[in-house]
Amino acid sequence: MLVRYGRLAFWWSCQCGINTIAKWDFSYAVYPGIHGWLTSCLPTLMNYDALIIGAGPAGSSAAAILAEYGHKVLILEREKFPRYHIGESLIPFTYGPLERLGLIPKMKKSHFVKKYSVAFVQPNGKASQPFYFFNRYDRESVAQTWQVLRSEFDQMLLDHAREKGAEVKEETAVQELIKEDGRVVGARAKDKNGNVTEYRAKITLDCTGKEAFSATRNNWRMRDPYLNKVAVWTYYKGSRREPGIDEGQTMVAYIPDKGWFWHIPQHDDMVSVGVVAEGKYLTRGGVKDPKEIFNREVEENLWIKEHLSTGTSNGEYRLTSEYSHHARHCAGPGLLLVGDAFAFLDPVFSSGVMLALKCGVLSGETIHQGILEGDLSPERFTAYGATIREGVENMRKLVYAFYNPDFSFREVIKRFPDAGGAITDCLSGDVNKDFSVLWSQIREFVPLPEDLPYGEPLAA
């Protein structure tokens, strides 16, 4: 009993963060006033149905689903929204999760640039015909998507979660997960004023994005064997755009050694533009300054050079690396990984936001059913993990093919005309289906990777 050890024991308990006062055996009669003094020193204890770490698309969508069902949900977000984030181009099958969330009307009323197509550009500036989504999908729904400013889009998602009833604490950084008997029971977090609070929940969702808070600390984070590119990007104002319906199309512009530029038109006459390639290629000749790297690569594609010539960079050049990683497990006792924290894939086909929203919605639905049935064991999330991994693996195969110098979509479709529809489906985000025929066809041109053995829950 703590009281036996005097004031030193109480001080030490406070410093160590012992967290559940109910566990302590002490007598108010023996030590008058101890309760008020002790609890003022300790973190506050708060309980929820679901604790969500991270307010990006995955976290906000999961929170909205759970709060809509009436569950008590808390989001802890390290930053103050709105905040900057890369990943601005949505693909057609983002529509499904947005529709489930009830956000399509807001998206249609927004000033985000409408996106109907994607096109590819050779280094000499020759562009392919645009691949219009409405040639395969309904023009009034799936076939029209958006180019978004993530600070505004993510704010919309977070506000929506609030409207559904989720509680949100911004500028609150999670320091560690709390475990008892091998199960995650919550997290300890510090707010902007330095106050530490313990939050407990039936289940904790790691939605920390590429940082992958829990996967990193549990040694679950696995790098992709091949997809480890480097990206350098900036923003231009006043650069050239395509006319009419093509104004909002994503352009993928090739450079040597299977590198590529993205060119994503945004509202307010801004364009997101960046280059992705192997680090050794981008830093050849000892060049390491992001601005120098970017400007040198602009010279490698005539279309990019001409379109940027009429605009001006905002002056800030950003760089990131390790573009693809996977978590060994989707879940553990009391813990679920969602969105990029579960898997982060090379962005060449803009799948990130779609996968994050799909993860968020599916996780919310699965947790809701688990709460109703009194079962939030890791095994509950087996189907969730398998569904997301299937989508990631299908998209990953096309990414691998894209980076192979012997691969060409045009040549595959020329030999196998029926492959065009399957390729379009996968690139558009319709990733949970059987593509075995397509993979057999593509393997006649280039090798494709086998599925990685990741994603199953860690049993208790």
Protein backbone atom coordinates (compact mmCIF):
# COMPACT_ATOMS: atom_id res chain seq x y z
CA MET A 1 0.00 0.00 0.00
CA LEU A 2 1.35 3.42 -1.03
CA VAL A 3 0.57 5.05 2.27
CA ARG A 4 3.19 2.89 3.94
CA TYR A 5 5.99 4.58 2.01
CA GLY A 6 5.15 8.20 2.82
CA ARG A 7 5.35 11.27 0.57
CA LEU A 8 8.25 9.96 -1.48
CA ALA A 9 6.16 7.05 -2.71
CA PHE A 10 3.33 9.38 -3.74
CA TRP A 11 5.73 11.73 -5.55
CA TRP A 12 7.35 8.81 -7.37
CA SER A 13 3.97 7.41 -8.35
CA CYS A 14 3.05 10.75 -9.91
CA GLN A 15 6.31 10.97 -11.84
CA CYS A 16 5.88 7.46 -13.20
CA GLY A 17 2.34 8.14 -14.34
CA ILE A 18 0.55 5.41 -12.43
CA ASN A 19 -2.83 5.76 -13.97
CA THR A 20 -5.74 4.15 -12.21
CA ILE A 21 -6.36 5.53 -8.75
CA ALA A 22 -8.90 2.82 -8.07
CA LYS A 23 -6.08 0.28 -7.97
CA TRP A 24 -4.36 1.96 -5.09
CA ASP A 25 -5.04 0.89 -1.53
CA PHE A 26 -4.81 3.86 0.80
CA SER A 27 -6.77 5.30 3.69
CA TYR A 28 -8.08 8.87 3.65
CA ALA A 29 -8.34 8.67 7.44
CA VAL A 30 -4.64 7.85 7.79
CA TYR A 31 -3.57 10.46 5.22
CA PRO A 32 -6.14 13.30 5.16
CA GLY A 33 -6.36 15.31 1.92
CA ILE A 34 -4.42 12.75 -0.10
CA HIS A 35 -7.12 12.32 -2.77
CA GLY A 36 -7.21 15.92 -3.99
CA TRP A 37 -3.43 16.35 -3.92
CA LEU A 38 -2.78 13.05 -5.68
CA THR A 39 -5.35 13.43 -8.44
CA SER A 40 -4.11 16.94 -9.27
CA CYS A 41 -0.72 15.39 -9.95
CA LEU A 42 -1.96 12.52 -12.08
CA PRO A 43 -3.19 12.42 -15.68
CA THR A 44 -6.94 12.63 -16.15
CA LEU A 45 -8.67 9.37 -17.01
CA MET A 46 -11.33 9.46 -19.76
CA ASN A 47 -13.21 6.57 -21.38
CA TYR A 48 -14.55 6.13 -24.93
CA ASP A 49 -15.86 3.44 -27.22
CA ALA A 50 -13.19 4.26 -29.80
CA LEU A 51 -10.01 6.32 -29.57
CA ILE A 52 -8.71 7.52 -32.93
CA ILE A 53 -5.15 8.79 -33.31
CA GLY A 54 -4.95 11.10 -36.31
CA ALA A 55 -7.58 13.27 -38.03
CA GLY A 56 -6.68 12.65 -41.67
CA PRO A 57 -9.10 11.02 -44.12
CA ALA A 58 -8.83 7.58 -42.48
CA GLY A 59 -9.36 8.83 -38.95
CA SER A 60 -12.11 11.31 -39.72
CA SER A 61 -14.09 8.85 -41.85
CA ALA A 62 -13.87 6.10 -39.21
CA ALA A 63 -14.94 8.61 -36.55
CA ALA A 64 -17.90 9.80 -38.62
CA ILE A 65 -19.19 6.26 -39.14
CA LEU A 66 -18.87 5.30 -35.48
CA ALA A 67 -20.34 8.56 -34.18
CA GLU A 68 -23.23 8.24 -36.61
CA TYR A 69 -24.08 4.94 -34.93
CA GLY A 70 -24.07 6.68 -31.57
CA HIS A 71 -20.75 5.47 -30.23
CA LYS A 72 -18.59 7.68 -28.04
CA VAL A 73 -15.60 8.60 -30.20
CA LEU A 74 -12.53 10.75 -29.60
CA ILE A 75 -10.01 11.90 -32.22
CA LEU A 76 -6.59 13.03 -31.03
CA GLU A 77 -4.79 15.13 -33.64
CA ARG A 78 -1.23 16.41 -33.27
CA GLU A 79 -1.65 19.38 -35.62
CA LYS A 80 -4.02 22.33 -35.73
CA PHE A 81 -6.39 22.09 -38.69
CA PRO A 82 -6.40 23.22 -41.41
CA ARG A 83 -2.91 21.90 -42.04
CA TYR A 84 -0.85 21.15 -45.14
CA HIS A 85 -0.76 17.66 -46.68
CA ILE A 86 0.29 16.24 -50.01
CA GLY A 87 -1.88 13.77 -51.98
CA GLU A 88 -4.37 15.97 -53.79
CA SER A 89 -5.79 13.92 -56.66
CA LEU A 90 -8.83 11.71 -56.08
CA ILE A 91 -9.62 8.73 -58.28
CA PRO A 92 -13.11 7.66 -59.40
CA PHE A 93 -13.84 4.99 -56.80
CA THR A 94 -13.31 7.48 -54.00
CA TYR A 95 -16.97 8.18 -54.75
CA GLY A 96 -18.23 5.15 -52.80
CA PRO A 97 -16.74 6.06 -49.41
CA LEU A 98 -17.67 9.72 -49.89
CA GLU A 99 -21.24 8.69 -50.70
CA ARG A 100 -21.42 6.47 -47.60
CA LEU A 101 -20.20 9.39 -45.51
CA GLY A 102 -22.86 11.65 -47.03
CA LEU A 103 -20.29 14.08 -48.43
CA ILE A 104 -21.09 14.00 -52.16
CA PRO A 105 -23.41 17.05 -51.96
CA LYS A 106 -20.69 19.05 -50.20
CA MET A 107 -18.11 17.96 -52.74
CA LYS A 108 -20.34 18.98 -55.63
CA LYS A 109 -20.88 22.41 -54.08
CA SER A 110 -17.15 22.89 -53.37
CA HIS A 111 -14.71 24.87 -55.49
CA PHE A 112 -12.46 21.83 -55.97
CA VAL A 113 -11.50 21.35 -59.62
CA LYS A 114 -13.48 18.60 -61.34
CA LYS A 115 -11.42 15.74 -62.72
CA TYR A 116 -12.71 13.63 -65.61
CA SER A 117 -9.54 12.05 -66.97
CA VAL A 118 -5.85 11.23 -66.79
CA ALA A 119 -3.27 11.45 -69.57
CA PHE A 120 0.35 10.44 -70.04
CA VAL A 121 3.13 12.48 -71.63
CA GLN A 122 6.40 11.33 -73.20
CA PRO A 123 9.64 13.23 -72.50
CA ASN A 124 9.39 14.83 -75.95
CA GLY A 125 6.10 16.44 -74.96
CA LYS A 126 3.80 14.13 -76.90
CA ALA A 127 0.68 13.48 -74.83
CA SER A 128 -1.64 10.51 -75.03
CA GLN A 129 -5.34 10.93 -75.61
CA PRO A 130 -7.06 11.57 -72.26
CA PHE A 131 -8.47 8.47 -70.57
CA TYR A 132 -11.98 9.67 -69.77
CA PHE A 133 -13.58 7.88 -66.86
CA PHE A 134 -17.07 8.40 -68.31
CA ASN A 135 -16.23 6.07 -71.17
CA ARG A 136 -16.60 3.25 -68.65
CA TYR A 137 -18.51 4.66 -65.65
CA ASP A 138 -21.60 6.73 -64.95
CA ARG A 139 -20.82 10.34 -65.78
CA GLU A 140 -22.98 11.70 -62.96
CA SER A 141 -21.33 9.70 -60.19
CA VAL A 142 -18.15 7.61 -60.29
CA ALA A 143 -16.77 9.07 -63.52
CA GLN A 144 -16.36 12.58 -62.15
CA THR A 145 -13.98 13.11 -59.26
CA TRP A 146 -11.95 16.04 -57.91
CA GLN A 147 -8.52 17.60 -57.49
CA VAL A 148 -8.49 18.83 -53.90
CA LEU A 149 -6.49 21.07 -51.65
CA ARG A 150 -5.88 18.71 -48.77
CA SER A 151 -5.96 21.38 -46.08
CA GLU A 152 -9.54 22.18 -47.11
CA PHE A 153 -10.61 18.63 -47.95
CA ASP A 154 -9.31 17.18 -44.69
CA GLN A 155 -10.94 20.02 -42.76
CA MET A 156 -14.24 19.13 -44.43
CA LEU A 157 -13.86 15.51 -43.34
CA LEU A 158 -12.98 16.46 -39.77
CA ASP A 159 -15.87 18.92 -39.51
CA HIS A 160 -18.16 16.19 -40.79
CA ALA A 161 -16.98 13.83 -38.03
CA ARG A 162 -17.69 16.59 -35.49
CA GLU A 163 -21.16 17.11 -36.94
CA LYS A 164 -21.85 13.40 -36.50
CA GLY A 165 -20.91 13.66 -32.83
CA ALA A 166 -17.22 12.79 -32.60
CA GLU A 167 -15.14 14.68 -30.06
CA VAL A 168 -11.92 16.17 -31.42
CA LYS A 169 -8.84 17.37 -29.58
CA GLU A 170 -6.34 19.14 -31.84
CA GLU A 171 -2.74 20.04 -30.97
CA THR A 172 -2.67 16.94 -28.80
CA ALA A 173 0.23 14.56 -29.41
CA VAL A 174 0.02 10.92 -28.41
CA GLN A 175 3.13 9.92 -26.50
CA GLU A 176 2.49 6.23 -26.04
CA LEU A 177 -0.10 3.51 -26.15
CA ILE A 178 -1.29 2.15 -22.82
CA LYS A 179 -1.21 -1.62 -22.52
CA GLU A 180 -2.57 -3.92 -19.85
CA ASP A 181 -2.07 -7.67 -19.99
CA GLY A 182 -0.86 -7.37 -23.59
CA ARG A 183 -3.90 -5.43 -24.76
CA VAL A 184 -3.96 -1.80 -25.87
CA VAL A 185 -6.48 -0.02 -23.66
CA GLY A 186 -5.86 3.57 -24.75
CA ALA A 187 -3.18 6.20 -25.10
CA ARG A 188 -1.36 8.84 -23.13
CA ALA A 189 -1.27 12.25 -24.84
CA LYS A 190 0.07 15.74 -24.18
CA ASP A 191 -1.80 18.88 -25.21
CA LYS A 192 -0.27 22.19 -26.36
CA ASN A 193 -0.10 23.39 -22.76
CA GLY A 194 1.91 20.39 -21.65
CA ASN A 195 -0.95 18.69 -19.82
CA VAL A 196 -0.84 14.89 -20.00
CA THR A 197 -4.09 12.95 -20.10
CA GLU A 198 -4.85 9.27 -20.35
CA TYR A 199 -7.64 8.29 -22.71
CA ARG A 200 -9.08 4.80 -22.55
CA ALA A 201 -11.26 3.03 -25.05
CA LYS A 202 -12.62 -0.34 -26.06
CA ILE A 203 -10.46 -0.05 -29.17
CA THR A 204 -7.73 2.31 -30.38
CA LEU A 205 -7.37 3.15 -34.09
CA ASP A 206 -3.95 4.13 -35.40
CA CYS A 207 -4.70 6.59 -38.21
CA THR A 208 -1.33 8.38 -38.03
CA GLY A 209 -0.64 8.14 -41.75
CA LYS A 210 2.81 7.56 -43.15
CA GLU A 211 4.28 8.04 -39.66
CA ALA A 212 2.67 4.69 -38.71
CA PHE A 213 2.92 5.31 -34.95
CA SER A 214 2.11 1.82 -33.66
CA ALA A 215 3.55 -0.21 -36.56
CA THR A 216 6.89 1.52 -36.07
CA ARG A 217 6.89 0.93 -32.29
CA ASN A 218 5.74 -2.68 -32.64
CA ASN A 219 8.33 -3.44 -35.33
CA TRP A 220 5.52 -4.24 -37.75
CA ARG A 221 6.57 -1.74 -40.41
CA MET A 222 8.01 -3.40 -43.51
CA ARG A 223 9.52 -1.59 -46.46
CA ASP A 224 8.44 -2.60 -49.92
CA PRO A 225 11.18 -4.64 -51.61
CA TYR A 226 11.29 -2.34 -54.63
CA LEU A 227 9.02 0.69 -54.36
CA ASN A 228 11.25 3.12 -52.50
CA LYS A 229 11.23 6.29 -54.55
CA VAL A 230 12.00 9.92 -53.72
CA ALA A 231 9.68 12.84 -54.55
CA VAL A 232 10.40 16.55 -54.88
CA TRP A 233 7.54 18.99 -55.44
CA THR A 234 6.32 22.55 -55.36
CA TYR A 235 3.30 24.65 -56.41
CA TYR A 236 2.92 26.95 -59.41
CA LYS A 237 0.49 29.77 -59.96
CA GLY A 238 -0.54 30.82 -63.45
CA SER A 239 0.89 27.85 -65.35
CA ARG A 240 -0.78 26.59 -68.51
CA ARG A 241 -3.84 24.34 -68.33
CA GLU A 242 -5.67 22.24 -70.84
CA PRO A 243 -8.92 23.69 -72.24
CA GLY A 244 -12.49 22.74 -71.43
CA ILE A 245 -13.27 19.44 -69.76
CA ASP A 246 -9.54 18.57 -69.69
CA GLU A 247 -8.68 21.49 -67.42
CA GLY A 248 -8.74 19.29 -64.34
CA GLN A 249 -7.07 16.18 -65.70
CA THR A 250 -4.06 14.63 -63.99
CA MET A 251 -1.00 14.52 -66.22
CA VAL A 252 1.68 11.88 -65.68
CA ALA A 253 4.77 13.10 -67.54
CA TYR A 254 7.68 10.71 -68.03
CA ILE A 255 11.37 11.44 -67.52
CA PRO A 256 14.33 9.05 -68.07
CA ASP A 257 14.86 5.94 -65.92
CA LYS A 258 11.12 5.52 -65.35
CA GLY A 259 10.77 8.65 -63.31
CA TRP A 260 7.70 10.84 -63.73
CA PHE A 261 6.11 14.19 -62.99
CA TRP A 262 2.64 14.74 -61.63
CA HIS A 263 0.77 17.84 -62.75
CA ILE A 264 -2.43 18.37 -60.74
CA PRO A 265 -4.54 21.49 -61.39
CA GLN A 266 -6.15 23.04 -58.33
CA HIS A 267 -8.49 25.93 -57.71
CA ASP A 268 -7.33 29.56 -57.46
CA ASP A 269 -5.10 29.02 -60.51
CA MET A 270 -2.67 26.83 -58.58
CA VAL A 271 -1.01 23.62 -59.77
CA SER A 272 0.66 20.92 -57.69
CA VAL A 273 3.66 19.61 -59.59
CA GLY A 274 6.32 17.15 -58.50
CA VAL A 275 8.83 14.62 -59.71
CA VAL A 276 9.22 11.01 -58.49
CA ALA A 277 12.19 8.75 -59.25
CA GLU A 278 14.97 6.71 -57.70
CA GLY A 279 17.04 8.73 -55.27
CA LYS A 280 20.27 7.86 -57.10
CA TYR A 281 18.85 9.30 -60.30
CA LEU A 282 17.54 12.52 -58.76
CA THR A 283 20.77 13.21 -56.86
CA ARG A 284 23.14 12.32 -59.72
CA GLY A 285 26.13 14.58 -59.94
CA GLY A 286 25.94 15.28 -56.22
CA VAL A 287 22.89 17.55 -56.52
CA LYS A 288 20.90 17.44 -53.28
CA ASP A 289 19.08 20.77 -53.06
CA PRO A 290 15.35 20.12 -53.77
CA LYS A 291 14.99 23.26 -55.89
CA GLU A 292 17.99 22.34 -58.03
CA ILE A 293 16.73 18.78 -58.42
CA PHE A 294 13.28 19.96 -59.46
CA ASN A 295 14.48 22.59 -61.95
CA ARG A 296 16.91 20.14 -63.57
CA GLU A 297 14.18 17.53 -64.07
CA VAL A 298 11.81 20.09 -65.60
CA GLU A 299 14.22 20.18 -68.52
CA GLU A 300 13.69 16.44 -69.03
CA ASN A 301 10.07 16.74 -70.17
CA LEU A 302 9.06 19.27 -72.80
CA TRP A 303 5.36 19.30 -71.82
CA ILE A 304 6.16 20.10 -68.19
CA LYS A 305 8.67 22.74 -69.23
CA GLU A 306 6.22 24.48 -71.54
CA HIS A 307 3.29 24.38 -69.11
CA LEU A 308 5.30 25.74 -66.19
CA SER A 309 6.91 28.46 -68.31
CA THR A 310 3.92 30.78 -67.91
CA GLY A 311 3.68 30.31 -64.14
CA THR A 312 5.64 31.08 -61.00
CA SER A 313 6.62 28.72 -58.19
CA ASN A 314 5.55 29.61 -54.68
CA GLY A 315 9.22 29.25 -53.78
CA GLU A 316 8.90 26.28 -51.44
CA TYR A 317 10.30 22.94 -52.58
CA ARG A 318 9.52 19.83 -50.55
CA LEU A 319 11.12 16.39 -50.49
CA THR A 320 10.10 13.01 -49.12
CA SER A 321 11.40 9.45 -49.44
CA GLU A 322 10.49 5.84 -48.60
CA TYR A 323 7.28 6.04 -50.55
CA SER A 324 5.95 2.54 -49.88
CA HIS A 325 5.63 0.53 -46.68
CA HIS A 326 3.35 -2.12 -45.22
CA ALA A 327 2.35 -3.20 -41.71
CA ARG A 328 2.90 -6.83 -40.84
CA HIS A 329 -0.46 -6.92 -39.03
CA CYS A 330 -3.71 -5.02 -39.43
CA ALA A 331 -4.65 -5.37 -35.79
CA GLY A 332 -3.60 -6.55 -32.36
CA PRO A 333 -5.45 -6.83 -29.06
CA GLY A 334 -7.26 -3.51 -28.63
CA LEU A 335 -5.56 -1.94 -31.67
CA LEU A 336 -6.50 -1.44 -35.34
CA LEU A 337 -4.36 0.09 -38.09
CA VAL A 338 -6.24 2.23 -40.62
CA GLY A 339 -5.24 4.01 -43.84
CA ASP A 340 -1.59 4.82 -44.54
CA ALA A 341 -0.68 3.54 -41.07
CA PHE A 342 -1.63 0.10 -42.41
CA ALA A 343 -0.19 0.41 -45.90
CA PHE A 344 1.27 3.27 -47.93
CA LEU A 345 1.73 2.75 -51.65
CA ASP A 346 3.70 4.66 -54.27
CA PRO A 347 1.42 7.52 -55.42
CA VAL A 348 1.81 7.18 -59.18
CA PHE A 349 -1.87 6.22 -59.56
CA SER A 350 -3.20 8.52 -56.79
CA SER A 351 -4.69 5.67 -54.77
CA GLY A 352 -3.84 7.04 -51.30
CA VAL A 353 -6.96 9.00 -50.37
CA MET A 354 -9.29 6.37 -51.84
CA LEU A 355 -7.62 3.61 -49.81
CA ALA A 356 -7.63 5.77 -46.67
CA LEU A 357 -11.34 6.55 -46.96
CA LYS A 358 -12.16 2.93 -47.79
CA CYS A 359 -10.17 1.82 -44.73
CA GLY A 360 -11.90 4.38 -42.54
CA VAL A 361 -15.43 3.45 -43.58
CA LEU A 362 -14.77 -0.30 -43.43
CA SER A 363 -13.09 -0.06 -40.04
CA GLY A 364 -15.98 1.99 -38.67
CA GLU A 365 -18.56 -0.51 -39.88
CA THR A 366 -16.54 -3.47 -38.55
CA ILE A 367 -16.02 -1.91 -35.13
CA HIS A 368 -19.70 -0.98 -34.86
CA GLN A 369 -20.71 -4.58 -35.48
CA GLY A 370 -18.06 -5.75 -33.03
CA ILE A 371 -19.37 -3.48 -30.29
CA LEU A 372 -22.90 -4.75 -30.87
CA GLU A 373 -21.73 -8.34 -30.58
CA GLY A 374 -19.32 -7.72 -27.72
CA ASP A 375 -16.34 -8.88 -29.78
CA LEU A 376 -13.44 -6.58 -30.64
CA SER A 377 -10.84 -9.31 -30.68
CA PRO A 378 -8.10 -9.10 -33.32
CA GLU A 379 -9.77 -11.94 -35.23
CA ARG A 380 -12.80 -9.69 -35.76
CA PHE A 381 -10.68 -7.72 -38.25
CA THR A 382 -9.48 -10.62 -40.40
CA ALA A 383 -11.85 -9.78 -43.27
CA TYR A 384 -11.04 -6.07 -42.94
CA GLY A 385 -7.32 -6.77 -43.30
CA ALA A 386 -7.83 -9.15 -46.22
CA THR A 387 -10.04 -6.67 -48.08
CA ILE A 388 -7.60 -3.79 -47.79
CA ARG A 389 -4.58 -5.93 -48.59
CA GLU A 390 -6.32 -7.29 -51.70
CA GLY A 391 -6.81 -3.76 -52.96
CA VAL A 392 -3.26 -2.71 -52.12
CA GLU A 393 -1.77 -5.79 -53.80
CA ASN A 394 -3.79 -5.30 -56.98
CA MET A 395 -2.76 -1.67 -57.27
CA ARG A 396 0.81 -2.57 -56.30
CA LYS A 397 1.13 -4.95 -59.24
CA LEU A 398 0.25 -2.19 -61.69
CA VAL A 399 2.73 0.14 -59.98
CA TYR A 400 5.48 -2.48 -60.35
CA ALA A 401 4.62 -2.88 -64.03
CA PHE A 402 4.65 0.89 -64.55
CA TYR A 403 8.22 1.18 -63.28
CA ASN A 404 9.52 -1.64 -65.47
CA PRO A 405 11.23 -0.14 -68.56
CA ASP A 406 9.86 -2.94 -70.75
CA PHE A 407 6.22 -2.24 -69.84
CA SER A 408 3.67 -0.27 -71.85
CA PHE A 409 -0.08 -0.11 -71.25
CA ARG A 410 -0.53 0.47 -74.96
CA GLU A 411 1.31 -2.71 -75.91
CA VAL A 412 -0.67 -4.81 -73.44
CA ILE A 413 -3.98 -3.49 -74.76
CA LYS A 414 -2.79 -3.89 -78.36
CA ARG A 415 -2.21 -7.60 -77.80
CA PHE A 416 -5.12 -8.11 -75.40
CA PRO A 417 -7.91 -5.62 -76.20
CA ASP A 418 -10.03 -6.91 -73.33
CA ALA A 419 -7.30 -5.86 -70.87
CA GLY A 420 -8.21 -2.21 -71.30
CA GLY A 421 -11.31 -2.43 -69.15
CA ALA A 422 -9.56 -4.31 -66.35
CA ILE A 423 -6.66 -1.84 -66.35
CA THR A 424 -9.10 1.06 -66.19
CA ASP A 425 -10.96 -0.55 -63.28
CA CYS A 426 -7.82 -1.07 -61.24
CA LEU A 427 -6.43 2.41 -61.96
CA SER A 428 -9.81 3.93 -61.07
CA GLY A 429 -9.84 2.26 -57.65
CA ASP A 430 -12.20 -0.66 -58.29
CA VAL A 431 -9.52 -2.83 -56.71
CA ASN A 432 -11.43 -5.56 -54.86
CA LYS A 433 -12.09 -7.96 -57.69
CA ASP A 434 -10.40 -10.83 -59.49
CA PHE A 435 -7.69 -9.52 -61.83
CA SER A 436 -5.98 -12.88 -62.35
CA VAL A 437 -6.56 -12.80 -66.13
CA LEU A 438 -5.04 -9.33 -66.37
CA TRP A 439 -2.00 -10.35 -64.35
CA SER A 440 -1.46 -13.34 -66.63
CA GLN A 441 -1.61 -11.04 -69.65
CA ILE A 442 0.81 -8.50 -68.17
CA ARG A 443 3.25 -11.25 -67.14
CA GLU A 444 3.77 -11.98 -70.83
CA PHE A 445 5.55 -8.60 -70.93
CA VAL A 446 7.10 -8.10 -67.48
CA PRO A 447 7.32 -9.96 -64.17
CA LEU A 448 4.90 -9.02 -61.39
CA PRO A 449 5.43 -9.40 -57.65
CA GLU A 450 3.75 -12.02 -55.54
CA ASP A 451 1.46 -10.84 -52.76
CA LEU A 452 3.27 -9.86 -49.59
CA PRO A 453 2.45 -12.07 -46.56
CA TYR A 454 1.13 -9.17 -44.48
CA GLY A 455 -2.13 -7.93 -43.10
CA GLU A 456 -3.51 -10.65 -40.87
CA PRO A 457 -4.35 -9.66 -37.28
CA LEU A 458 -2.00 -10.56 -34.46
CA ALA A 459 -3.89 -12.97 -32.26
CA ALA A 460 -4.18 -12.23 -28.58
